[in-house]
Amino acid sequence: MKNIINLISGKPQEIRAVMLGLDNSGKTKILQQWKQSEVVQTNPTIGFNFETIQTQKQNVSIWDVGGQIKQRKLWSYYTVGTNILIFVIDSTERDYNRVQQAKAELLQLLQSEALNKKPFLILFNKSDLPNSMSKEEILEEYQISLGIYSQIMQTKHKVNVIKYSAMNNQNIEQVFDWIRSVSKFQPQYMQ
């Protein structure tokens, strides 16, 4: 009910998002670029970073959680009460083992009952680099349009895949337009 009142009254909608992905995918750089509108030097995240991005219509509180193997075990704690999950993948990563790790983590999140019906934004970061995968390569490599991913996405989640660059904010409008479109009637996390 608060969401509808906020939409009518013009108050910014409160949205809670969690940004996950393997280490070195660029999550922290993305978050800092969104907050400060400039590229900053980042270090591997131990634990989490938290920022609130304010727009005219939304206050998006984003938890950027470290992606090292030890920290992935804690991801489920950060997803409690989230409205949107953002999964970041390094589009330049072609190492078979790393691709398999990213696919496995994404699939586990998509199958999580705790995240049932939550919107998923899959960001393929570093698209400004010459060795980044094309959209076609991404869809094929990550089998996003095939098999179990397709079935899960059709039945459990609203999912969008966007190529993105934290260095130049490529497709930033597309990211926040999508967040706005899927969050209009998401329950408030701060009630």
Protein backbone atom coordinates (compact mmCIF):
# COMPACT_ATOMS: atom_id res chain seq x y z
CA MET A 1 0.00 0.00 0.00
CA LYS A 2 2.87 2.38 0.81
CA ASN A 3 4.22 1.99 -2.74
CA ILE A 4 0.95 3.16 -4.25
CA ILE A 5 0.73 6.09 -1.82
CA ASN A 6 4.34 7.04 -2.57
CA LEU A 7 3.69 6.87 -6.31
CA ILE A 8 0.64 9.11 -5.99
CA SER A 9 2.20 11.55 -3.52
CA GLY A 10 5.47 11.82 -5.41
CA LYS A 11 7.61 10.58 -2.52
CA PRO A 12 10.64 8.57 -3.65
CA GLN A 13 10.13 4.84 -3.57
CA GLU A 14 12.49 2.93 -1.27
CA ILE A 15 14.14 0.00 -3.04
CA ARG A 16 16.63 -2.48 -1.62
CA ALA A 17 18.98 -4.13 -4.11
CA VAL A 18 21.79 -6.61 -3.59
CA MET A 19 24.70 -6.69 -6.03
CA LEU A 20 26.44 -10.06 -6.26
CA GLY A 21 28.95 -11.68 -8.59
CA LEU A 22 32.36 -13.31 -8.57
CA ASP A 23 35.38 -11.40 -7.33
CA ASN A 24 36.87 -8.98 -9.88
CA SER A 25 33.62 -8.62 -11.83
CA GLY A 26 33.52 -4.88 -11.07
CA LYS A 27 30.68 -4.62 -8.54
CA THR A 28 32.35 -2.02 -6.34
CA LYS A 29 33.47 0.08 -9.31
CA ILE A 30 29.88 0.05 -10.62
CA LEU A 31 28.49 1.10 -7.23
CA GLN A 32 31.02 3.92 -6.85
CA GLN A 33 30.39 5.11 -10.41
CA TRP A 34 26.64 5.21 -9.71
CA LYS A 35 27.16 7.12 -6.47
CA GLN A 36 29.96 9.51 -7.42
CA SER A 37 29.63 9.62 -11.23
CA GLU A 38 33.36 9.12 -11.56
CA VAL A 39 35.74 6.22 -11.88
CA VAL A 40 37.56 5.53 -8.63
CA GLN A 41 40.25 3.04 -7.73
CA THR A 42 38.77 0.12 -5.80
CA ASN A 43 40.14 -2.78 -3.79
CA PRO A 44 38.68 -6.28 -3.46
CA THR A 45 35.64 -6.11 -1.19
CA ILE A 46 35.97 -7.87 2.13
CA GLY A 47 32.46 -7.99 3.55
CA PHE A 48 30.23 -5.45 1.83
CA ASN A 49 29.83 -1.87 0.64
CA PHE A 50 26.57 0.03 1.01
CA GLU A 51 25.35 3.11 -0.85
CA THR A 52 22.00 4.75 -1.51
CA ILE A 53 21.49 6.12 -5.00
CA GLN A 54 18.87 8.88 -4.98
CA THR A 55 16.81 9.73 -8.03
CA GLN A 56 13.68 11.84 -8.30
CA LYS A 57 11.45 8.81 -8.00
CA GLN A 58 13.57 6.28 -6.11
CA ASN A 59 16.03 5.80 -3.30
CA VAL A 60 17.86 2.63 -4.27
CA SER A 61 19.84 1.20 -1.36
CA ILE A 62 22.45 -1.17 -2.78
CA TRP A 63 24.48 -3.76 -0.89
CA ASP A 64 27.63 -4.70 -2.84
CA VAL A 65 28.80 -8.00 -1.36
CA GLY A 66 32.27 -9.47 -1.87
CA GLY A 67 32.57 -12.27 -4.40
CA GLN A 68 35.47 -14.32 -3.05
CA ILE A 69 34.64 -17.99 -2.42
CA LYS A 70 34.46 -17.56 1.38
CA GLN A 71 32.09 -14.61 1.07
CA ARG A 72 29.75 -16.33 -1.38
CA LYS A 73 28.62 -18.56 1.48
CA LEU A 74 27.16 -15.44 3.12
CA TRP A 75 25.24 -14.16 0.11
CA SER A 76 21.93 -15.62 1.29
CA TYR A 77 22.04 -13.41 4.41
CA TYR A 78 22.29 -10.26 2.29
CA THR A 79 19.39 -11.24 0.04
CA VAL A 80 16.82 -11.31 2.87
CA GLY A 81 14.28 -8.56 2.28
CA THR A 82 15.74 -7.48 -1.04
CA ASN A 83 13.55 -6.13 -3.82
CA ILE A 84 15.98 -6.67 -6.72
CA LEU A 85 19.06 -8.79 -7.28
CA ILE A 86 21.83 -7.48 -9.53
CA PHE A 87 24.30 -10.15 -10.66
CA VAL A 88 27.51 -8.82 -12.22
CA ILE A 89 29.60 -10.88 -14.63
CA ASP A 90 32.93 -9.86 -16.16
CA SER A 91 32.24 -9.91 -19.92
CA THR A 92 35.98 -10.25 -20.63
CA GLU A 93 36.29 -13.43 -18.54
CA ARG A 94 36.82 -16.38 -20.86
CA ASP A 95 38.53 -18.78 -18.45
CA TYR A 96 36.42 -21.95 -18.47
CA ASN A 97 36.55 -22.48 -14.68
CA ARG A 98 35.56 -18.89 -13.89
CA VAL A 99 32.69 -18.99 -16.40
CA GLN A 100 31.47 -22.24 -14.82
CA GLN A 101 31.69 -20.70 -11.33
CA ALA A 102 29.67 -17.67 -12.41
CA LYS A 103 27.07 -19.87 -14.10
CA ALA A 104 26.77 -22.09 -11.01
CA GLU A 105 26.37 -19.14 -8.64
CA LEU A 106 23.78 -17.49 -10.89
CA LEU A 107 21.82 -20.72 -11.22
CA GLN A 108 21.86 -21.26 -7.45
CA LEU A 109 20.48 -17.75 -6.92
CA LEU A 110 17.81 -18.20 -9.60
CA GLN A 111 16.68 -21.44 -7.94
CA SER A 112 16.63 -19.98 -4.43
CA GLU A 113 13.19 -20.10 -2.84
CA ALA A 114 14.07 -17.00 -0.79
CA LEU A 115 14.42 -15.05 -4.05
CA ASN A 116 11.31 -16.48 -5.68
CA LYS A 117 9.59 -13.89 -7.90
CA LYS A 118 12.34 -11.29 -7.30
CA PRO A 119 13.57 -9.41 -10.37
CA PHE A 120 17.10 -10.25 -11.52
CA LEU A 121 19.31 -7.87 -13.45
CA ILE A 122 22.32 -9.59 -15.01
CA LEU A 123 25.00 -7.01 -15.84
CA PHE A 124 27.82 -8.06 -18.15
CA ASN A 125 30.38 -5.49 -17.06
CA LYS A 126 33.54 -4.26 -18.80
CA SER A 127 31.80 -4.09 -22.18
CA ASP A 128 34.01 -1.13 -23.10
CA LEU A 129 37.04 -3.41 -23.38
CA PRO A 130 37.99 -4.80 -26.80
CA ASN A 131 38.04 -8.41 -25.57
CA SER A 132 34.54 -8.31 -24.08
CA MET A 133 32.02 -10.84 -25.33
CA SER A 134 29.31 -9.80 -27.76
CA LYS A 135 25.69 -10.16 -26.63
CA GLU A 136 25.41 -13.29 -28.79
CA GLU A 137 28.55 -14.81 -27.20
CA ILE A 138 27.21 -13.99 -23.75
CA LEU A 139 23.86 -15.64 -24.38
CA GLU A 140 25.57 -18.72 -25.80
CA GLU A 141 28.39 -18.97 -23.24
CA TYR A 142 26.07 -18.55 -20.28
CA GLN A 143 23.21 -20.48 -21.90
CA ILE A 144 20.86 -17.75 -20.77
CA SER A 145 18.29 -18.42 -23.47
CA LEU A 146 18.52 -22.20 -23.15
CA GLY A 147 17.49 -24.98 -20.82
CA ILE A 148 16.99 -24.51 -17.12
CA TYR A 149 17.79 -20.78 -17.11
CA SER A 150 15.02 -20.15 -19.61
CA GLN A 151 12.52 -22.23 -17.66
CA ILE A 152 13.37 -20.55 -14.35
CA MET A 153 13.28 -17.08 -15.85
CA GLN A 154 9.89 -17.66 -17.45
CA THR A 155 8.27 -18.98 -14.29
CA LYS A 156 10.03 -17.45 -11.30
CA HIS A 157 11.65 -14.13 -12.13
CA LYS A 158 11.63 -11.05 -14.29
CA VAL A 159 15.13 -11.10 -15.75
CA ASN A 160 17.02 -8.63 -17.88
CA VAL A 161 20.51 -8.95 -19.35
CA ILE A 162 22.40 -5.71 -20.03
CA LYS A 163 25.92 -5.14 -21.30
CA TYR A 164 27.43 -2.46 -19.11
CA SER A 165 30.64 -0.53 -18.51
CA ALA A 166 31.55 0.88 -15.11
CA MET A 167 34.24 2.97 -16.79
CA ASN A 168 31.88 5.05 -18.92
CA ASN A 169 28.41 4.21 -17.54
CA GLN A 170 27.39 2.66 -20.85
CA ASN A 171 23.67 1.72 -20.63
CA ILE A 172 23.14 3.41 -17.23
CA GLU A 173 19.74 4.72 -18.36
CA GLN A 174 18.69 1.23 -19.39
CA VAL A 175 19.71 -0.12 -15.96
CA PHE A 176 17.72 2.41 -13.92
CA ASP A 177 14.75 2.38 -16.32
CA TRP A 178 14.54 -1.38 -15.80
CA ILE A 179 14.88 -1.06 -12.03
CA ARG A 180 12.11 1.54 -12.04
CA SER A 181 9.85 -0.60 -14.25
CA VAL A 182 10.11 -3.78 -12.16
CA SER A 183 10.01 -2.09 -8.77
CA LYS A 184 6.81 -0.06 -9.12
CA PHE A 185 4.81 -2.52 -7.09
CA GLN A 186 7.52 -4.36 -5.17
CA PRO A 187 6.86 -4.39 -1.43
CA GLN A 188 8.63 -1.77 0.63
CA TYR A 189 11.51 -3.11 2.68
CA MET A 190 11.28 -0.24 5.17
CA GLN A 191 7.82 -0.27 6.68
